[in-house]
Amino acid sequence: MSDQFGPKRPLGVTIVAALAIIAGTFDVIGGIVLLATQSDPDVADAFGGAGIATTIAIMEIVLGIFMLLIAFGLLRGNAVARIAATVVQALSLAGSIWIGIAQPSTLATEIVSALVALAILMLLWSGEATRYFKGLAPDQPTS
């Protein structure tokens, strides 16, 4: 990529953005499916009623759209998107720890989830990523 288009995006940032696009897409699809099936008695009972299922479905769609916005911001080098992604991953990490302690039967999957959140945080805050979000060339110091 030439310098006229800005600094080259690090592979780690691209990976994080791709994961956010995938997660956001699945959240939107899951929310739409839940919204479409919330009147099914089995689905409604699983969520404690159709109203709660509808609320969760809408929240999931909104979260998915938020994740997609974060992803596209990361791809453009937007520092606000980097902070938003950091907050989301920090909450995910905290949630994984809490769920792993509260529900020991889910510990294996929560460990994987926590490790993924940590990897994403490391990729977002690597030296390459910091230079990218500051608009610096790969060989420029960050200070």
Protein backbone atom coordinates (compact mmCIF):
# COMPACT_ATOMS: atom_id res chain seq x y z
CA MET A 1 0.00 0.00 0.00
CA SER A 2 1.46 3.38 -0.86
CA ASP A 3 1.93 6.14 1.70
CA GLN A 4 -0.74 8.30 0.07
CA PHE A 5 -3.39 5.95 1.46
CA GLY A 6 -2.02 6.04 5.01
CA PRO A 7 -0.17 3.47 7.06
CA LYS A 8 -0.44 -0.22 6.23
CA ARG A 9 -2.94 -2.06 8.43
CA PRO A 10 -1.27 -4.76 10.56
CA LEU A 11 -2.45 -8.34 10.06
CA GLY A 12 -3.49 -8.54 13.73
CA VAL A 13 -5.92 -5.64 13.32
CA THR A 14 -7.35 -7.24 10.18
CA ILE A 15 -7.84 -10.53 12.08
CA VAL A 16 -9.60 -8.76 14.97
CA ALA A 17 -11.86 -6.89 12.54
CA ALA A 18 -12.69 -10.12 10.68
CA LEU A 19 -13.59 -11.82 13.97
CA ALA A 20 -15.79 -8.83 14.88
CA ILE A 21 -17.54 -9.01 11.49
CA ILE A 22 -18.21 -12.72 12.00
CA ALA A 23 -19.44 -12.21 15.58
CA GLY A 24 -21.62 -9.24 14.61
CA THR A 25 -23.14 -11.11 11.69
CA PHE A 26 -23.96 -14.11 13.86
CA ASP A 27 -25.50 -11.85 16.51
CA VAL A 28 -27.73 -10.13 13.95
CA ILE A 29 -28.79 -13.46 12.41
CA GLY A 30 -29.36 -15.03 15.83
CA GLY A 31 -31.44 -12.06 16.93
CA ILE A 32 -33.55 -12.19 13.78
CA VAL A 33 -34.12 -15.94 14.19
CA LEU A 34 -35.07 -15.49 17.84
CA LEU A 35 -37.40 -12.62 16.93
CA ALA A 36 -39.04 -14.78 14.26
CA THR A 37 -39.51 -17.73 16.63
CA GLN A 38 -40.27 -15.93 19.92
CA SER A 39 -43.97 -16.76 19.64
CA ASP A 40 -43.21 -20.51 19.61
CA PRO A 41 -44.20 -21.76 23.10
CA ASP A 42 -41.01 -23.82 23.47
CA VAL A 43 -38.82 -20.83 22.63
CA ALA A 44 -40.83 -18.45 24.79
CA ASP A 45 -40.66 -20.86 27.75
CA ALA A 46 -36.90 -21.22 27.36
CA PHE A 47 -36.53 -17.46 27.83
CA GLY A 48 -39.19 -16.99 30.47
CA GLY A 49 -41.83 -15.60 28.13
CA ALA A 50 -42.28 -14.11 24.68
CA GLY A 51 -41.65 -10.58 25.94
CA ILE A 52 -38.27 -11.49 27.38
CA ALA A 53 -37.37 -13.41 24.20
CA THR A 54 -38.28 -10.35 22.12
CA THR A 55 -36.17 -8.07 24.32
CA ILE A 56 -33.18 -10.41 24.11
CA ALA A 57 -33.59 -10.70 20.34
CA ILE A 58 -33.61 -6.92 19.90
CA MET A 59 -30.60 -6.53 22.20
CA GLU A 60 -28.74 -9.19 20.22
CA ILE A 61 -29.46 -7.42 16.92
CA VAL A 62 -28.30 -4.08 18.35
CA LEU A 63 -25.13 -5.70 19.75
CA GLY A 64 -24.46 -7.28 16.35
CA ILE A 65 -24.81 -3.94 14.57
CA PHE A 66 -22.51 -2.35 17.17
CA MET A 67 -19.92 -5.10 16.55
CA LEU A 68 -20.11 -4.50 12.80
CA LEU A 69 -19.57 -0.77 13.30
CA ILE A 70 -16.56 -1.50 15.53
CA ALA A 71 -15.13 -3.87 12.92
CA PHE A 72 -15.37 -1.36 10.09
CA GLY A 73 -13.89 1.32 12.35
CA LEU A 74 -10.94 -0.95 13.13
CA LEU A 75 -10.36 -1.52 9.43
CA ARG A 76 -10.17 2.26 8.93
CA GLY A 77 -7.81 2.80 11.86
CA ASN A 78 -10.38 4.56 14.04
CA ALA A 79 -9.05 4.92 17.59
CA VAL A 80 -12.58 5.08 19.06
CA ALA A 81 -13.33 1.68 17.51
CA ARG A 82 -10.14 0.35 19.12
CA ILE A 83 -11.31 1.57 22.55
CA ALA A 84 -14.81 0.14 21.97
CA ALA A 85 -13.34 -3.22 20.95
CA THR A 86 -11.12 -3.15 24.04
CA VAL A 87 -14.11 -2.52 26.32
CA VAL A 88 -16.11 -5.32 24.67
CA GLN A 89 -13.22 -7.77 25.02
CA ALA A 90 -12.53 -6.75 28.62
CA LEU A 91 -16.20 -7.41 29.43
CA SER A 92 -16.01 -10.72 27.59
CA LEU A 93 -12.91 -11.68 29.57
CA ALA A 94 -14.54 -10.72 32.88
CA GLY A 95 -17.71 -12.60 31.92
CA SER A 96 -15.75 -15.71 31.00
CA ILE A 97 -13.94 -15.67 34.33
CA TRP A 98 -17.18 -15.15 36.25
CA ILE A 99 -19.10 -17.84 34.34
CA GLY A 100 -16.19 -20.27 34.64
CA ILE A 101 -16.22 -19.84 38.42
CA ALA A 102 -20.03 -19.82 38.77
CA GLN A 103 -20.58 -22.78 36.40
CA PRO A 104 -17.55 -25.10 36.66
CA SER A 105 -19.12 -27.41 34.06
CA THR A 106 -18.46 -24.69 31.44
CA LEU A 107 -14.87 -24.06 32.52
CA ALA A 108 -13.26 -25.56 29.39
CA THR A 109 -15.23 -23.36 26.98
CA GLU A 110 -14.81 -20.30 29.20
CA ILE A 111 -11.04 -20.80 29.25
CA VAL A 112 -11.05 -20.82 25.43
CA SER A 113 -13.25 -17.72 25.38
CA ALA A 114 -10.96 -15.95 27.85
CA LEU A 115 -7.86 -16.86 25.82
CA VAL A 116 -9.48 -15.53 22.63
CA ALA A 117 -10.35 -12.25 24.40
CA LEU A 118 -6.77 -11.97 25.66
CA ALA A 119 -5.36 -12.66 22.19
CA ILE A 120 -7.61 -9.98 20.69
CA LEU A 121 -6.53 -7.47 23.35
CA MET A 122 -2.88 -8.26 22.66
CA LEU A 123 -3.40 -7.81 18.90
CA LEU A 124 -5.24 -4.51 19.42
CA TRP A 125 -2.51 -3.09 21.66
CA SER A 126 0.62 -4.41 19.94
CA GLY A 127 3.26 -1.93 18.82
CA GLU A 128 2.22 -2.36 15.17
CA ALA A 129 -1.44 -1.72 16.03
CA THR A 130 -0.56 1.33 18.11
CA ARG A 131 1.40 2.83 15.20
CA TYR A 132 -1.50 2.05 12.85
CA PHE A 133 -4.14 3.69 15.05
CA LYS A 134 -1.87 6.74 15.49
CA GLY A 135 -1.44 6.98 11.72
CA LEU A 136 2.31 6.30 11.88
CA ALA A 137 4.43 4.36 9.41
CA PRO A 138 5.61 0.90 10.56
CA ASP A 139 9.16 2.18 11.17
CA GLN A 140 8.11 5.33 13.08
CA PRO A 141 8.42 5.31 16.87
CA THR A 142 5.17 5.61 18.83
CA SER A 143 6.42 8.28 21.24
